[in-house]
Amino acid sequence: MIGITVTVDADHLDNIDAVGAALRQRGMRVDQIHGTIGIISGAVGDEDRTVLESVPGVQSVETENTIRIPPPDANPQ
């Protein structure tokens, strides 16, 4: 599973919980719904990510980035 952030469009902010329910039905594990800012965060399998973009109310689906910093004693390249 990959971590994702879904942005809900302005026309669906009042129904963000319904958008979250539709995302769950299409395979997303919804961790948090941030109604004030119109963001739903969670995770989904790689194969289901593109399906989420067709859910009514979804403006965008972005993959979370992970940054790894080497330990202080590592030899930088």
N, C-alpha and C. Protein backbone atom coordinates (compact mmCIF):
# COMPACT_ATOMS: atom_id res chain seq x y z
N MET A 1 0.84 -1.19 0.00
CA MET A 1 0.00 0.00 0.00
C MET A 1 0.88 1.24 0.00
N ILE A 2 0.40 2.26 -0.67
CA ILE A 2 1.12 3.53 -0.72
C ILE A 2 0.28 4.60 -0.04
N GLY A 3 0.94 5.50 0.65
CA GLY A 3 0.25 6.61 1.29
C GLY A 3 -0.18 7.63 0.25
N ILE A 4 -1.41 8.12 0.39
CA ILE A 4 -1.92 9.11 -0.54
C ILE A 4 -2.65 10.23 0.20
N THR A 5 -2.76 11.35 -0.49
CA THR A 5 -3.54 12.48 -0.02
C THR A 5 -4.53 12.84 -1.13
N VAL A 6 -5.81 12.87 -0.79
CA VAL A 6 -6.86 13.19 -1.75
C VAL A 6 -7.37 14.60 -1.44
N THR A 7 -7.40 15.44 -2.47
CA THR A 7 -7.97 16.77 -2.34
C THR A 7 -9.39 16.73 -2.86
N VAL A 8 -10.34 17.24 -2.06
CA VAL A 8 -11.75 17.25 -2.42
C VAL A 8 -12.07 18.59 -3.06
N ASP A 9 -12.83 18.58 -4.16
CA ASP A 9 -13.15 19.84 -4.83
C ASP A 9 -14.14 20.67 -4.01
N ALA A 10 -14.18 21.95 -4.30
CA ALA A 10 -14.97 22.91 -3.51
C ALA A 10 -16.47 22.59 -3.50
N ASP A 11 -16.99 22.01 -4.58
CA ASP A 11 -18.41 21.70 -4.65
C ASP A 11 -18.82 20.55 -3.74
N HIS A 12 -17.85 19.77 -3.25
CA HIS A 12 -18.16 18.60 -2.41
C HIS A 12 -17.68 18.73 -0.96
N LEU A 13 -17.19 19.90 -0.58
CA LEU A 13 -16.68 20.05 0.78
C LEU A 13 -17.75 19.80 1.84
N ASP A 14 -18.99 20.18 1.56
CA ASP A 14 -20.07 19.96 2.52
C ASP A 14 -20.39 18.47 2.68
N ASN A 15 -20.00 17.66 1.70
CA ASN A 15 -20.27 16.21 1.73
C ASN A 15 -18.98 15.41 1.77
N ILE A 16 -17.96 15.93 2.43
CA ILE A 16 -16.65 15.27 2.43
C ILE A 16 -16.70 13.88 3.05
N ASP A 17 -17.60 13.67 4.02
CA ASP A 17 -17.72 12.32 4.61
C ASP A 17 -18.25 11.32 3.58
N ALA A 18 -19.15 11.76 2.70
CA ALA A 18 -19.65 10.89 1.65
C ALA A 18 -18.55 10.57 0.63
N VAL A 19 -17.71 11.55 0.34
CA VAL A 19 -16.57 11.31 -0.56
C VAL A 19 -15.64 10.29 0.09
N GLY A 20 -15.39 10.43 1.39
CA GLY A 20 -14.56 9.47 2.11
C GLY A 20 -15.14 8.07 2.06
N ALA A 21 -16.46 7.95 2.20
CA ALA A 21 -17.12 6.64 2.13
C ALA A 21 -16.98 6.03 0.74
N ALA A 22 -17.10 6.85 -0.30
CA ALA A 22 -16.94 6.36 -1.67
C ALA A 22 -15.50 5.89 -1.92
N LEU A 23 -14.54 6.60 -1.34
CA LEU A 23 -13.13 6.20 -1.48
C LEU A 23 -12.90 4.86 -0.79
N ARG A 24 -13.50 4.66 0.37
CA ARG A 24 -13.38 3.37 1.08
C ARG A 24 -13.94 2.23 0.23
N GLN A 25 -15.09 2.48 -0.40
CA GLN A 25 -15.72 1.44 -1.24
C GLN A 25 -14.85 1.05 -2.42
N ARG A 26 -13.96 1.94 -2.82
CA ARG A 26 -13.08 1.66 -3.96
C ARG A 26 -11.68 1.23 -3.52
N GLY A 27 -11.53 0.85 -2.24
CA GLY A 27 -10.30 0.23 -1.79
C GLY A 27 -9.35 1.09 -0.98
N MET A 28 -9.70 2.34 -0.72
CA MET A 28 -8.80 3.20 0.05
C MET A 28 -8.98 2.96 1.54
N ARG A 29 -7.87 2.88 2.26
CA ARG A 29 -7.91 2.89 3.72
C ARG A 29 -7.87 4.36 4.13
N VAL A 30 -8.98 4.88 4.62
CA VAL A 30 -9.06 6.28 5.01
C VAL A 30 -8.59 6.40 6.45
N ASP A 31 -7.52 7.18 6.66
CA ASP A 31 -6.98 7.39 8.00
C ASP A 31 -7.57 8.63 8.65
N GLN A 32 -7.66 9.72 7.88
CA GLN A 32 -8.19 10.97 8.44
C GLN A 32 -8.94 11.74 7.37
N ILE A 33 -10.01 12.40 7.81
CA ILE A 33 -10.76 13.32 6.96
C ILE A 33 -10.63 14.70 7.58
N HIS A 34 -10.00 15.60 6.84
CA HIS A 34 -9.78 16.98 7.31
C HIS A 34 -10.80 17.87 6.60
N GLY A 35 -11.99 17.96 7.17
CA GLY A 35 -13.08 18.68 6.53
C GLY A 35 -12.83 20.15 6.32
N THR A 36 -12.13 20.79 7.23
CA THR A 36 -11.88 22.23 7.13
C THR A 36 -11.03 22.57 5.92
N ILE A 37 -10.07 21.72 5.59
CA ILE A 37 -9.17 22.03 4.48
C ILE A 37 -9.44 21.16 3.24
N GLY A 38 -10.40 20.26 3.31
CA GLY A 38 -10.79 19.46 2.15
C GLY A 38 -9.79 18.40 1.75
N ILE A 39 -9.15 17.77 2.74
CA ILE A 39 -8.15 16.75 2.48
C ILE A 39 -8.55 15.44 3.15
N ILE A 40 -8.36 14.33 2.43
CA ILE A 40 -8.56 13.00 2.99
C ILE A 40 -7.24 12.26 2.83
N SER A 41 -6.71 11.74 3.93
CA SER A 41 -5.43 11.04 3.87
C SER A 41 -5.62 9.57 4.22
N GLY A 42 -4.76 8.74 3.63
CA GLY A 42 -4.84 7.31 3.88
C GLY A 42 -3.88 6.56 3.00
N ALA A 43 -4.27 5.35 2.60
CA ALA A 43 -3.40 4.50 1.78
C ALA A 43 -4.26 3.65 0.86
N VAL A 44 -3.61 3.19 -0.21
CA VAL A 44 -4.31 2.38 -1.21
C VAL A 44 -3.28 1.51 -1.92
N GLY A 45 -3.72 0.39 -2.47
CA GLY A 45 -2.84 -0.43 -3.28
C GLY A 45 -2.53 0.26 -4.60
N ASP A 46 -1.37 0.00 -5.15
CA ASP A 46 -0.97 0.64 -6.41
C ASP A 46 -2.02 0.49 -7.51
N GLU A 47 -2.62 -0.68 -7.59
CA GLU A 47 -3.57 -0.95 -8.66
C GLU A 47 -4.89 -0.19 -8.50
N ASP A 48 -5.22 0.26 -7.29
CA ASP A 48 -6.48 0.96 -7.05
C ASP A 48 -6.36 2.48 -7.10
N ARG A 49 -5.16 3.01 -7.18
CA ARG A 49 -4.95 4.46 -7.11
C ARG A 49 -5.69 5.20 -8.22
N THR A 50 -5.60 4.72 -9.45
CA THR A 50 -6.22 5.43 -10.57
C THR A 50 -7.74 5.40 -10.50
N VAL A 51 -8.31 4.38 -9.88
CA VAL A 51 -9.76 4.29 -9.72
C VAL A 51 -10.28 5.43 -8.86
N LEU A 52 -9.49 5.85 -7.86
CA LEU A 52 -9.92 6.90 -6.94
C LEU A 52 -10.11 8.24 -7.62
N GLU A 53 -9.38 8.47 -8.71
CA GLU A 53 -9.49 9.75 -9.41
C GLU A 53 -10.86 9.94 -10.06
N SER A 54 -11.61 8.86 -10.27
CA SER A 54 -12.93 8.96 -10.89
C SER A 54 -14.07 9.12 -9.88
N VAL A 55 -13.75 9.14 -8.59
CA VAL A 55 -14.78 9.30 -7.56
C VAL A 55 -15.31 10.74 -7.61
N PRO A 56 -16.63 10.92 -7.67
CA PRO A 56 -17.17 12.28 -7.68
C PRO A 56 -16.72 13.06 -6.45
N GLY A 57 -16.24 14.27 -6.68
CA GLY A 57 -15.76 15.12 -5.60
C GLY A 57 -14.26 15.12 -5.44
N VAL A 58 -13.57 14.17 -6.08
CA VAL A 58 -12.12 14.11 -5.98
C VAL A 58 -11.50 15.06 -7.00
N GLN A 59 -10.73 16.00 -6.50
CA GLN A 59 -10.03 16.94 -7.37
C GLN A 59 -8.68 16.36 -7.80
N SER A 60 -7.95 15.77 -6.83
CA SER A 60 -6.65 15.18 -7.16
C SER A 60 -6.29 14.10 -6.15
N VAL A 61 -5.41 13.19 -6.59
CA VAL A 61 -4.87 12.13 -5.74
C VAL A 61 -3.35 12.23 -5.85
N GLU A 62 -2.70 12.47 -4.73
CA GLU A 62 -1.25 12.62 -4.73
C GLU A 62 -0.61 11.55 -3.85
N THR A 63 0.49 11.02 -4.33
CA THR A 63 1.25 10.03 -3.57
C THR A 63 2.13 10.76 -2.56
N GLU A 64 2.14 10.26 -1.33
CA GLU A 64 2.99 10.85 -0.30
C GLU A 64 4.44 10.50 -0.58
N ASN A 65 5.32 11.45 -0.40
CA ASN A 65 6.74 11.24 -0.60
C ASN A 65 7.41 10.94 0.73
N THR A 66 8.38 10.03 0.68
CA THR A 66 9.15 9.70 1.87
C THR A 66 10.59 10.12 1.64
N ILE A 67 11.11 10.90 2.56
CA ILE A 67 12.49 11.35 2.48
C ILE A 67 13.28 10.63 3.56
N ARG A 68 14.39 10.04 3.16
CA ARG A 68 15.23 9.32 4.12
C ARG A 68 16.55 10.08 4.26
N ILE A 69 16.88 10.40 5.48
CA ILE A 69 18.12 11.10 5.78
C ILE A 69 19.07 10.11 6.44
N PRO A 70 20.30 10.01 5.92
CA PRO A 70 21.23 9.06 6.51
C PRO A 70 21.61 9.47 7.93
N PRO A 71 22.02 8.51 8.75
CA PRO A 71 22.42 8.84 10.12
C PRO A 71 23.64 9.77 10.12
N PRO A 72 23.85 10.49 11.20
CA PRO A 72 24.95 11.47 11.26
C PRO A 72 26.34 10.86 11.01
N ASP A 73 26.52 9.59 11.35
CA ASP A 73 27.83 8.98 11.16
C ASP A 73 28.03 8.32 9.80
N ALA A 74 27.05 8.46 8.90
CA ALA A 74 27.16 7.86 7.57
C ALA A 74 28.13 8.67 6.71
N ASN A 75 28.73 7.99 5.75
CA ASN A 75 29.66 8.62 4.83
C ASN A 75 28.87 9.17 3.66
N PRO A 76 28.65 10.48 3.56
CA PRO A 76 27.86 11.02 2.44
C PRO A 76 28.60 10.88 1.10
N GLN A 77 27.86 10.74 0.07
CA GLN A 77 28.46 10.59 -1.27
C GLN A 77 28.71 11.93 -1.89
